[in-house]
């Protein structure tokens, strides 16, 4: 059986002082727009977030389950879960679904003792670390802009601007993406949420 990932565009990138996660707001089903105010970026812990493209109900369920496991980890080990461990945890949650996967492409990002990190996960749980990633139907357009303009010495403000441009570029050509951009800016001492209109 072929599974179809619903449209969206999400990006994540590593900066010198943190991580940027971003997604657009449009929620669609086939050719119909169900909502123009969907949220596809999620805070999992004070220093780890998730951005998704796909079926919104599946990403919400995944975020709730991952957040619950992260809280249990903290209680049992008396320390917060690392970004790498969170990516592996979510990989296991995705993989255990077997033949009925959660229909979401997932980006995990955060900052811990090892520094800022971003991981890309597919619906079956593959875990791929990278400096910048894009997911969803608008990913081919977004990744082109990231490839051309990403620098490893970017700070968070420069990274936020690049992520915003990448989402806007993708939404200009991908009819299933649009209606605004949500950003999660993750630093060692916490995170900040921002929302922008699709057009500057």
N, C-alpha and C. Protein backbone atom coordinates (compact mmCIF):
# COMPACT_ATOMS: atom_id res chain seq x y z
N UNK A 1 0.84 -1.18 0.00
CA UNK A 1 0.00 0.00 0.00
C UNK A 1 0.88 1.25 0.00
N UNK A 2 0.58 2.20 -0.84
CA UNK A 2 1.35 3.44 -0.91
C UNK A 2 0.72 4.48 0.02
N UNK A 3 1.55 5.08 0.88
CA UNK A 3 1.06 6.11 1.79
C UNK A 3 1.37 7.48 1.21
N UNK A 4 0.42 8.39 1.37
CA UNK A 4 0.58 9.72 0.80
C UNK A 4 0.77 10.73 1.92
N UNK A 5 1.90 11.42 1.91
CA UNK A 5 2.14 12.45 2.90
C UNK A 5 1.39 13.71 2.47
N UNK A 6 0.61 14.26 3.38
CA UNK A 6 -0.13 15.48 3.06
C UNK A 6 0.84 16.65 2.91
N UNK A 7 0.42 17.63 2.15
CA UNK A 7 1.31 18.74 1.80
C UNK A 7 1.66 19.62 2.98
N UNK A 8 2.83 20.21 2.91
CA UNK A 8 3.32 21.16 3.90
C UNK A 8 4.77 21.45 3.58
N UNK A 9 5.33 22.44 4.26
CA UNK A 9 6.77 22.69 4.17
C UNK A 9 7.29 22.97 5.58
N UNK A 10 8.33 22.26 5.98
CA UNK A 10 8.99 22.48 7.26
C UNK A 10 10.49 22.48 7.04
N UNK A 11 11.20 23.31 7.79
CA UNK A 11 12.66 23.36 7.69
C UNK A 11 13.27 23.40 9.09
N UNK A 12 14.52 22.96 9.18
CA UNK A 12 15.29 23.07 10.41
C UNK A 12 16.73 23.36 10.06
N UNK A 13 17.37 24.21 10.86
CA UNK A 13 18.78 24.49 10.60
C UNK A 13 19.54 24.79 11.88
N UNK A 14 20.81 24.39 11.86
CA UNK A 14 21.70 24.59 13.00
C UNK A 14 22.42 25.92 12.83
N UNK A 15 22.43 26.72 13.89
CA UNK A 15 23.17 27.99 13.91
C UNK A 15 24.25 27.91 14.98
N UNK A 16 25.10 28.91 15.03
CA UNK A 16 26.20 28.89 15.99
C UNK A 16 25.69 28.90 17.43
N UNK A 17 24.56 29.57 17.68
CA UNK A 17 24.05 29.74 19.03
C UNK A 17 22.70 29.09 19.27
N UNK A 18 22.30 28.16 18.40
CA UNK A 18 21.02 27.49 18.60
C UNK A 18 20.50 26.83 17.34
N UNK A 19 19.19 26.59 17.33
CA UNK A 19 18.52 25.88 16.24
C UNK A 19 17.25 26.63 15.85
N UNK A 20 16.95 26.65 14.56
CA UNK A 20 15.70 27.20 14.04
C UNK A 20 14.86 26.07 13.48
N UNK A 21 13.60 25.99 13.89
CA UNK A 21 12.61 25.11 13.28
C UNK A 21 11.47 25.98 12.76
N UNK A 22 10.98 25.67 11.56
CA UNK A 22 9.92 26.49 10.98
C UNK A 22 8.98 25.66 10.13
N UNK A 23 7.74 26.10 10.05
CA UNK A 23 6.76 25.48 9.17
C UNK A 23 5.71 26.50 8.79
N UNK A 24 5.05 26.24 7.65
CA UNK A 24 3.94 27.11 7.28
C UNK A 24 2.66 26.62 7.97
N UNK A 25 1.55 27.36 7.81
CA UNK A 25 0.35 27.14 8.63
C UNK A 25 -0.79 26.41 7.93
N UNK A 26 -0.74 26.22 6.63
CA UNK A 26 -1.89 25.67 5.90
C UNK A 26 -2.09 24.19 6.22
N UNK A 27 -3.33 23.84 6.53
CA UNK A 27 -3.71 22.43 6.74
C UNK A 27 -4.64 22.03 5.61
N UNK A 28 -4.23 21.03 4.84
CA UNK A 28 -5.01 20.63 3.67
C UNK A 28 -5.31 19.15 3.69
N UNK A 29 -6.30 18.78 2.93
CA UNK A 29 -6.61 17.37 2.70
C UNK A 29 -6.92 17.24 1.22
N UNK A 30 -6.02 16.61 0.48
CA UNK A 30 -6.18 16.56 -0.97
C UNK A 30 -6.13 17.97 -1.53
N UNK A 31 -7.17 18.36 -2.26
CA UNK A 31 -7.21 19.70 -2.84
C UNK A 31 -7.95 20.72 -2.01
N UNK A 32 -8.35 20.35 -0.78
CA UNK A 32 -9.13 21.26 0.05
C UNK A 32 -8.31 21.82 1.20
N UNK A 33 -8.43 23.12 1.46
CA UNK A 33 -7.77 23.75 2.60
C UNK A 33 -8.71 23.65 3.80
N UNK A 34 -8.30 22.91 4.83
CA UNK A 34 -9.13 22.72 6.02
C UNK A 34 -8.95 23.84 7.02
N UNK A 35 -7.73 24.39 7.09
CA UNK A 35 -7.46 25.48 8.04
C UNK A 35 -6.30 26.33 7.52
N UNK A 36 -6.35 27.61 7.86
CA UNK A 36 -5.26 28.52 7.52
C UNK A 36 -4.45 28.91 8.76
N UNK A 37 -4.71 28.24 9.87
CA UNK A 37 -4.05 28.59 11.13
C UNK A 37 -3.53 27.36 11.86
N UNK A 38 -3.11 26.35 11.11
CA UNK A 38 -2.57 25.13 11.73
C UNK A 38 -1.21 25.38 12.34
N UNK A 39 -0.88 24.58 13.34
CA UNK A 39 0.44 24.69 13.97
C UNK A 39 1.18 23.38 13.75
N UNK A 40 2.37 23.49 13.14
CA UNK A 40 3.16 22.30 12.81
C UNK A 40 4.55 22.33 13.43
N UNK A 41 4.78 23.27 14.34
CA UNK A 41 6.01 23.27 15.15
C UNK A 41 5.59 23.09 16.61
N UNK A 42 6.33 22.24 17.33
CA UNK A 42 5.93 21.85 18.68
C UNK A 42 7.11 21.94 19.64
N UNK A 43 6.85 22.41 20.84
CA UNK A 43 7.83 22.41 21.92
C UNK A 43 7.70 21.07 22.64
N UNK A 44 8.78 20.29 22.71
CA UNK A 44 8.75 18.99 23.37
C UNK A 44 9.32 19.06 24.78
N UNK A 45 10.42 19.80 24.94
CA UNK A 45 11.03 20.05 26.25
C UNK A 45 11.49 21.51 26.21
N UNK A 46 12.02 22.05 27.31
CA UNK A 46 12.49 23.44 27.27
C UNK A 46 13.61 23.71 26.26
N UNK A 47 14.28 22.66 25.76
CA UNK A 47 15.39 22.88 24.83
C UNK A 47 15.30 22.02 23.55
N UNK A 48 14.16 21.35 23.33
CA UNK A 48 13.99 20.50 22.13
C UNK A 48 12.63 20.78 21.50
N UNK A 49 12.63 20.91 20.17
CA UNK A 49 11.38 21.12 19.45
C UNK A 49 11.27 20.19 18.26
N UNK A 50 10.10 20.25 17.62
CA UNK A 50 9.82 19.38 16.48
C UNK A 50 9.03 20.19 15.45
N UNK A 51 9.40 20.04 14.19
CA UNK A 51 8.63 20.62 13.08
C UNK A 51 8.25 19.48 12.15
N UNK A 52 7.04 19.55 11.60
CA UNK A 52 6.53 18.42 10.83
C UNK A 52 5.86 18.86 9.54
N UNK A 53 5.79 17.92 8.62
CA UNK A 53 4.98 18.05 7.41
C UNK A 53 4.21 16.75 7.29
N UNK A 54 2.93 16.84 7.01
CA UNK A 54 2.14 15.63 6.87
C UNK A 54 0.75 15.79 7.44
N UNK A 55 0.23 14.71 7.99
CA UNK A 55 -1.11 14.69 8.55
C UNK A 55 -1.06 15.30 9.96
N UNK A 56 -1.81 16.38 10.17
CA UNK A 56 -1.70 17.14 11.42
C UNK A 56 -2.08 16.29 12.63
N UNK A 57 -3.10 15.46 12.52
CA UNK A 57 -3.48 14.63 13.67
C UNK A 57 -2.35 13.70 14.08
N UNK A 58 -1.63 13.15 13.11
CA UNK A 58 -0.51 12.26 13.42
C UNK A 58 0.63 13.01 14.08
N UNK A 59 0.94 14.21 13.60
CA UNK A 59 2.03 14.96 14.22
C UNK A 59 1.67 15.40 15.64
N UNK A 60 0.39 15.75 15.87
CA UNK A 60 -0.04 16.12 17.22
C UNK A 60 0.07 14.93 18.17
N UNK A 61 -0.36 13.75 17.71
CA UNK A 61 -0.26 12.54 18.54
C UNK A 61 1.20 12.22 18.85
N UNK A 62 2.07 12.34 17.85
CA UNK A 62 3.49 12.06 18.04
C UNK A 62 4.10 13.04 19.04
N UNK A 63 3.75 14.32 18.93
CA UNK A 63 4.29 15.34 19.85
C UNK A 63 3.86 15.07 21.28
N UNK A 64 2.58 14.72 21.49
CA UNK A 64 2.09 14.44 22.84
C UNK A 64 2.81 13.23 23.45
N UNK A 65 2.97 12.17 22.67
CA UNK A 65 3.62 10.97 23.17
C UNK A 65 5.09 11.22 23.47
N UNK A 66 5.78 11.93 22.57
CA UNK A 66 7.20 12.22 22.79
C UNK A 66 7.40 13.10 24.01
N UNK A 67 6.53 14.08 24.21
CA UNK A 67 6.63 14.96 25.38
C UNK A 67 6.42 14.17 26.67
N UNK A 68 5.46 13.23 26.66
CA UNK A 68 5.21 12.41 27.84
C UNK A 68 6.43 11.53 28.17
N UNK A 69 7.02 10.90 27.15
CA UNK A 69 8.21 10.07 27.38
C UNK A 69 9.39 10.91 27.87
N UNK A 70 9.52 12.14 27.36
CA UNK A 70 10.61 13.02 27.80
C UNK A 70 10.44 13.38 29.28
N UNK A 71 9.19 13.61 29.70
CA UNK A 71 8.93 13.90 31.12
C UNK A 71 9.25 12.69 31.99
N UNK A 72 8.88 11.49 31.53
CA UNK A 72 9.20 10.27 32.28
C UNK A 72 10.72 10.08 32.39
N UNK A 73 11.42 10.34 31.29
CA UNK A 73 12.89 10.22 31.29
C UNK A 73 13.49 11.14 32.35
N UNK A 74 12.99 12.37 32.39
CA UNK A 74 13.53 13.33 33.35
C UNK A 74 13.27 12.88 34.80
N UNK A 75 12.08 12.35 35.05
CA UNK A 75 11.75 11.87 36.39
C UNK A 75 12.60 10.67 36.80
N UNK A 76 12.79 9.74 35.87
CA UNK A 76 13.53 8.51 36.18
C UNK A 76 15.03 8.74 36.29
N UNK A 77 15.58 9.67 35.49
CA UNK A 77 17.04 9.85 35.43
C UNK A 77 17.52 11.14 36.08
N UNK A 78 16.58 11.96 36.54
CA UNK A 78 16.92 13.22 37.20
C UNK A 78 17.77 14.14 36.33
N UNK A 79 17.56 14.07 35.04
CA UNK A 79 18.22 14.97 34.08
C UNK A 79 17.38 15.00 32.81
N UNK A 80 17.51 16.07 32.02
CA UNK A 80 16.70 16.15 30.80
C UNK A 80 17.21 15.21 29.72
N UNK A 81 16.32 14.80 28.85
CA UNK A 81 16.69 13.95 27.72
C UNK A 81 17.53 14.76 26.73
N UNK A 82 18.53 14.12 26.12
CA UNK A 82 19.37 14.81 25.13
C UNK A 82 18.64 14.88 23.79
N UNK A 83 19.12 15.74 22.91
CA UNK A 83 18.52 15.88 21.59
C UNK A 83 18.65 14.57 20.81
N UNK A 84 19.83 13.97 20.88
CA UNK A 84 20.07 12.70 20.18
C UNK A 84 19.13 11.61 20.69
N UNK A 85 18.95 11.53 22.01
CA UNK A 85 18.06 10.52 22.58
C UNK A 85 16.61 10.78 22.20
N UNK A 86 16.22 12.04 22.15
CA UNK A 86 14.85 12.38 21.72
C UNK A 86 14.61 11.96 20.28
N UNK A 87 15.59 12.21 19.41
CA UNK A 87 15.46 11.80 18.01
C UNK A 87 15.33 10.29 17.91
N UNK A 88 16.11 9.55 18.70
CA UNK A 88 16.03 8.08 18.70
C UNK A 88 14.69 7.60 19.27
N UNK A 89 14.22 8.26 20.33
CA UNK A 89 12.93 7.91 20.91
C UNK A 89 11.81 8.06 19.87
N UNK A 90 11.80 9.20 19.17
CA UNK A 90 10.76 9.44 18.17
C UNK A 90 10.92 8.47 17.00
N UNK A 91 12.15 8.14 16.65
CA UNK A 91 12.39 7.13 15.63
C UNK A 91 11.74 5.80 16.02
N UNK A 92 11.90 5.40 17.29
CA UNK A 92 11.30 4.15 17.77
C UNK A 92 9.78 4.22 17.76
N UNK A 93 9.22 5.38 18.14
CA UNK A 93 7.76 5.55 18.12
C UNK A 93 7.23 5.41 16.69
N UNK A 94 7.96 5.97 15.72
CA UNK A 94 7.55 5.87 14.32
C UNK A 94 7.69 4.44 13.80
N UNK A 95 8.82 3.80 14.13
CA UNK A 95 9.10 2.46 13.61
C UNK A 95 8.12 1.41 14.14
N UNK A 96 7.72 1.55 15.40
CA UNK A 96 6.85 0.53 16.00
C UNK A 96 5.46 0.48 15.38
N UNK A 97 5.10 1.50 14.58
CA UNK A 97 3.80 1.50 13.92
C UNK A 97 3.74 0.53 12.75
N UNK A 98 4.91 0.08 12.29
CA UNK A 98 4.98 -0.96 11.26
C UNK A 98 4.26 -0.61 9.98
N UNK A 99 3.26 -1.42 9.63
CA UNK A 99 2.59 -1.26 8.34
C UNK A 99 1.57 -0.12 8.32
N UNK A 100 1.29 0.46 9.47
CA UNK A 100 0.36 1.60 9.53
C UNK A 100 1.11 2.77 10.15
N UNK A 101 2.02 3.39 9.38
CA UNK A 101 2.87 4.45 9.95
C UNK A 101 2.11 5.74 10.20
N UNK A 102 2.67 6.57 11.07
CA UNK A 102 2.18 7.93 11.21
C UNK A 102 2.59 8.69 9.95
N UNK A 103 1.65 9.37 9.33
CA UNK A 103 1.93 10.03 8.06
C UNK A 103 2.51 11.42 8.31
N UNK A 104 3.77 11.42 8.71
CA UNK A 104 4.44 12.69 8.98
C UNK A 104 5.94 12.57 8.71
N UNK A 105 6.48 13.60 8.10
CA UNK A 105 7.93 13.76 8.01
C UNK A 105 8.31 14.69 9.15
N UNK A 106 9.32 14.32 9.92
CA UNK A 106 9.59 14.99 11.19
C UNK A 106 11.01 15.55 11.23
N UNK A 107 11.13 16.75 11.79
CA UNK A 107 12.43 17.36 12.03
C UNK A 107 12.53 17.61 13.53
N UNK A 108 13.57 17.08 14.15
CA UNK A 108 13.82 17.28 15.58
C UNK A 108 15.04 18.20 15.70
N UNK A 109 14.94 19.22 16.54
CA UNK A 109 16.06 20.12 16.76
C UNK A 109 16.13 20.56 18.19
N UNK A 110 17.34 20.84 18.65
CA UNK A 110 17.48 21.33 20.01
C UNK A 110 18.93 21.60 20.37
N UNK A 111 19.11 22.04 21.61
CA UNK A 111 20.44 22.38 22.12
C UNK A 111 20.63 21.67 23.44
N UNK A 112 21.77 20.98 23.59
CA UNK A 112 22.12 20.35 24.87
C UNK A 112 23.63 20.49 25.08
N UNK A 113 24.20 19.66 25.92
CA UNK A 113 25.63 19.74 26.23
C UNK A 113 26.51 19.51 25.02
N UNK A 114 26.00 18.81 24.01
CA UNK A 114 26.76 18.58 22.78
C UNK A 114 26.63 19.72 21.78
N UNK A 115 25.80 20.70 22.08
CA UNK A 115 25.60 21.84 21.19
C UNK A 115 24.29 21.74 20.43
N UNK A 116 24.10 22.63 19.44
CA UNK A 116 22.87 22.60 18.65
C UNK A 116 22.89 21.45 17.64
N UNK A 117 21.72 20.77 17.48
CA UNK A 117 21.63 19.64 16.57
C UNK A 117 20.26 19.60 15.91
N UNK A 118 20.25 19.10 14.67
CA UNK A 118 19.00 18.88 13.92
C UNK A 118 19.03 17.48 13.32
N UNK A 119 17.89 16.79 13.40
CA UNK A 119 17.73 15.45 12.83
C UNK A 119 16.49 15.41 11.94
N UNK A 120 16.61 14.74 10.80
CA UNK A 120 15.46 14.50 9.92
C UNK A 120 15.02 13.05 10.09
N UNK A 121 13.69 12.84 10.20
CA UNK A 121 13.14 11.49 10.34
C UNK A 121 12.06 11.29 9.30
N UNK A 122 12.05 10.11 8.68
CA UNK A 122 10.98 9.79 7.74
C UNK A 122 9.87 9.04 8.47
N UNK A 123 8.74 8.73 7.82
CA UNK A 123 7.62 8.10 8.53
C UNK A 123 7.93 6.73 9.13
N UNK A 124 8.99 6.06 8.67
CA UNK A 124 9.35 4.75 9.21
C UNK A 124 10.47 4.81 10.24
N UNK A 125 10.95 6.03 10.56
CA UNK A 125 11.87 6.18 11.67
C UNK A 125 13.34 6.32 11.37
N UNK A 126 13.72 6.47 10.11
CA UNK A 126 15.14 6.72 9.81
C UNK A 126 15.57 8.02 10.49
N UNK A 127 16.78 8.04 11.07
CA UNK A 127 17.29 9.21 11.78
C UNK A 127 18.53 9.71 11.06
N UNK A 128 18.46 10.95 10.54
CA UNK A 128 19.57 11.49 9.76
C UNK A 128 19.97 12.85 10.34
N UNK A 129 21.15 12.95 10.96
CA UNK A 129 21.62 14.25 11.46
C UNK A 129 22.11 15.10 10.30
N UNK A 130 21.88 16.41 10.37
CA UNK A 130 22.36 17.30 9.32
C UNK A 130 22.42 18.72 9.86
N UNK A 131 23.04 19.61 9.09
CA UNK A 131 23.10 21.02 9.47
C UNK A 131 21.84 21.77 9.09
N UNK A 132 21.20 21.34 8.00
CA UNK A 132 19.92 21.93 7.59
C UNK A 132 19.11 20.88 6.85
N UNK A 133 17.79 20.90 7.05
CA UNK A 133 16.90 19.93 6.42
C UNK A 133 15.60 20.61 6.02
N UNK A 134 14.89 19.97 5.09
CA UNK A 134 13.55 20.42 4.70
C UNK A 134 12.67 19.19 4.54
N UNK A 135 11.39 19.34 4.81
CA UNK A 135 10.44 18.23 4.71
C UNK A 135 9.15 18.72 4.09
N UNK A 136 8.42 17.77 3.49
CA UNK A 136 7.10 18.08 2.96
C UNK A 136 7.08 18.32 1.47
N UNK A 137 5.89 18.67 0.97
CA UNK A 137 5.71 18.85 -0.47
C UNK A 137 6.49 20.04 -1.02
N UNK A 138 6.78 21.03 -0.17
CA UNK A 138 7.56 22.19 -0.60
C UNK A 138 9.05 22.04 -0.38
N UNK A 139 9.48 20.88 0.12
CA UNK A 139 10.89 20.67 0.46
C UNK A 139 11.85 20.86 -0.71
N UNK A 140 11.52 20.39 -1.94
CA UNK A 140 12.48 20.59 -3.04
C UNK A 140 12.82 22.06 -3.30
N UNK A 141 11.84 22.93 -3.10
CA UNK A 141 12.09 24.36 -3.30
C UNK A 141 12.86 24.93 -2.11
N UNK A 142 12.41 24.60 -0.90
CA UNK A 142 13.06 25.12 0.31
C UNK A 142 14.51 24.68 0.40
N UNK A 143 14.79 23.42 0.07
CA UNK A 143 16.16 22.92 0.22
C UNK A 143 17.09 23.59 -0.79
N UNK A 144 16.57 23.97 -1.94
CA UNK A 144 17.40 24.68 -2.92
C UNK A 144 17.89 26.01 -2.36
N UNK A 145 17.01 26.73 -1.70
CA UNK A 145 17.40 28.01 -1.10
C UNK A 145 18.37 27.79 0.06
N UNK A 146 18.10 26.79 0.88
CA UNK A 146 19.00 26.49 2.00
C UNK A 146 20.39 26.10 1.50
N UNK A 147 20.44 25.26 0.46
CA UNK A 147 21.73 24.85 -0.12
C UNK A 147 22.53 26.06 -0.58
N UNK A 148 21.86 27.01 -1.19
CA UNK A 148 22.55 28.17 -1.76
C UNK A 148 22.99 29.18 -0.70
N UNK A 149 22.24 29.32 0.40
CA UNK A 149 22.49 30.43 1.32
C UNK A 149 22.92 30.04 2.73
N UNK A 150 22.81 28.77 3.09
CA UNK A 150 23.18 28.38 4.46
C UNK A 150 24.69 28.49 4.66
N UNK A 151 25.07 29.01 5.84
CA UNK A 151 26.47 29.06 6.26
C UNK A 151 26.57 28.51 7.68
N UNK A 152 27.64 27.80 7.98
CA UNK A 152 27.78 27.21 9.31
C UNK A 152 28.03 28.26 10.38
N UNK A 153 28.43 29.48 9.99
CA UNK A 153 28.68 30.53 10.99
C UNK A 153 27.48 31.46 11.19
N UNK A 154 26.31 31.07 10.73
CA UNK A 154 25.11 31.90 10.89
C UNK A 154 24.69 31.94 12.36
N UNK A 155 24.27 33.14 12.83
CA UNK A 155 23.68 33.22 14.16
C UNK A 155 22.17 32.99 14.06
N UNK A 156 21.48 33.00 15.18
CA UNK A 156 20.06 32.67 15.19
C UNK A 156 19.21 33.64 14.38
N UNK A 157 19.52 34.92 14.44
CA UNK A 157 18.73 35.89 13.68
C UNK A 157 18.91 35.69 12.17
N UNK A 158 20.14 35.42 11.75
CA UNK A 158 20.37 35.13 10.34
C UNK A 158 19.68 33.82 9.94
N UNK A 159 19.74 32.83 10.81
CA UNK A 159 19.08 31.56 10.53
C UNK A 159 17.57 31.71 10.45
N UNK A 160 16.99 32.52 11.34
CA UNK A 160 15.55 32.75 11.32
C UNK A 160 15.12 33.40 10.02
N UNK A 161 15.91 34.35 9.54
CA UNK A 161 15.60 35.02 8.28
C UNK A 161 15.69 34.05 7.11
N UNK A 162 16.70 33.19 7.11
CA UNK A 162 16.85 32.21 6.03
C UNK A 162 15.70 31.19 6.05
N UNK A 163 15.33 30.71 7.24
CA UNK A 163 14.21 29.77 7.34
C UNK A 163 12.92 30.41 6.84
N UNK A 164 12.71 31.66 7.20
CA UNK A 164 11.52 32.39 6.75
C UNK A 164 11.50 32.51 5.22
N UNK A 165 12.63 32.85 4.64
CA UNK A 165 12.73 32.94 3.17
C UNK A 165 12.48 31.59 2.51
N UNK A 166 13.01 30.53 3.10
CA UNK A 166 12.85 29.19 2.53
C UNK A 166 11.37 28.78 2.51
N UNK A 167 10.66 29.01 3.62
CA UNK A 167 9.24 28.67 3.69
C UNK A 167 8.45 29.53 2.71
N UNK A 168 8.74 30.81 2.66
CA UNK A 168 8.01 31.71 1.75
C UNK A 168 8.25 31.32 0.30
N UNK A 169 9.48 30.95 -0.05
CA UNK A 169 9.78 30.53 -1.43
C UNK A 169 9.02 29.27 -1.79
N UNK A 170 8.99 28.31 -0.87
CA UNK A 170 8.28 27.06 -1.12
C UNK A 170 6.78 27.32 -1.29
N UNK A 171 6.22 28.15 -0.42
CA UNK A 171 4.78 28.43 -0.48
C UNK A 171 4.39 29.16 -1.76
N UNK A 172 5.33 29.90 -2.33
CA UNK A 172 5.04 30.62 -3.58
C UNK A 172 4.84 29.65 -4.75
N UNK A 173 5.41 28.44 -4.67
CA UNK A 173 5.31 27.47 -5.77
C UNK A 173 4.55 26.20 -5.41
N UNK A 174 4.35 25.96 -4.12
CA UNK A 174 3.64 24.76 -3.67
C UNK A 174 2.25 25.18 -3.19
N UNK A 175 1.22 24.81 -3.92
CA UNK A 175 -0.14 25.27 -3.62
C UNK A 175 -0.66 24.72 -2.29
N UNK A 176 -0.06 23.67 -1.78
CA UNK A 176 -0.55 23.06 -0.54
C UNK A 176 0.10 23.68 0.69
N UNK A 177 1.11 24.53 0.49
CA UNK A 177 1.76 25.23 1.60
C UNK A 177 1.34 26.69 1.58
N UNK A 178 1.22 27.29 2.76
CA UNK A 178 0.89 28.72 2.78
C UNK A 178 0.29 29.21 4.08
N UNK A 179 -0.23 30.45 4.01
CA UNK A 179 -1.02 31.08 5.08
C UNK A 179 -0.24 31.52 6.31
N UNK A 180 1.07 31.68 6.22
CA UNK A 180 1.85 32.17 7.35
C UNK A 180 2.96 31.22 7.71
N UNK A 181 3.84 31.68 8.59
CA UNK A 181 5.01 30.90 8.99
C UNK A 181 5.15 30.95 10.51
N UNK A 182 5.34 29.79 11.13
CA UNK A 182 5.66 29.69 12.56
C UNK A 182 7.11 29.31 12.71
N UNK A 183 7.83 30.02 13.59
CA UNK A 183 9.24 29.73 13.87
C UNK A 183 9.40 29.37 15.33
N UNK A 184 10.26 28.40 15.60
CA UNK A 184 10.68 28.05 16.95
C UNK A 184 12.18 28.29 17.01
N UNK A 185 12.59 29.23 17.84
CA UNK A 185 14.00 29.59 17.97
C UNK A 185 14.50 29.00 19.29
N UNK A 186 15.40 28.02 19.19
CA UNK A 186 15.83 27.26 20.37
C UNK A 186 17.26 27.64 20.73
N UNK A 187 17.43 28.07 21.99
CA UNK A 187 18.75 28.42 22.52
C UNK A 187 19.04 27.54 23.72
N UNK A 188 20.25 27.62 24.23
CA UNK A 188 20.63 26.80 25.38
C UNK A 188 19.78 27.14 26.60
N UNK A 189 19.33 28.40 26.71
CA UNK A 189 18.59 28.83 27.89
C UNK A 189 17.08 28.92 27.65
N UNK A 190 16.58 28.29 26.60
CA UNK A 190 15.14 28.31 26.37
C UNK A 190 14.79 28.48 24.91
N UNK A 191 13.52 28.76 24.63
CA UNK A 191 13.09 28.92 23.25
C UNK A 191 12.10 30.07 23.11
N UNK A 192 12.01 30.55 21.89
CA UNK A 192 11.12 31.65 21.56
C UNK A 192 10.28 31.25 20.35
N UNK A 193 9.00 31.57 20.38
CA UNK A 193 8.10 31.31 19.26
C UNK A 193 7.79 32.61 18.54
N UNK A 194 7.81 32.56 17.21
CA UNK A 194 7.44 33.72 16.40
C UNK A 194 6.52 33.28 15.28
N UNK A 195 5.63 34.19 14.87
CA UNK A 195 4.77 33.94 13.71
C UNK A 195 4.88 35.12 12.76
N UNK A 196 4.86 34.80 11.45
CA UNK A 196 4.99 35.82 10.43
C UNK A 196 3.92 35.61 9.36
N UNK A 197 3.50 36.67 8.70
CA UNK A 197 2.62 36.49 7.53
C UNK A 197 3.41 35.86 6.40
N UNK A 198 2.71 35.30 5.44
CA UNK A 198 3.41 34.64 4.34
C UNK A 198 4.16 35.64 3.48
N UNK A 199 3.55 36.81 3.25
CA UNK A 199 4.22 37.84 2.45
C UNK A 199 4.75 38.91 3.37
N UNK A 200 6.00 39.39 3.13
CA UNK A 200 6.60 40.42 4.00
C UNK A 200 5.85 41.73 3.91
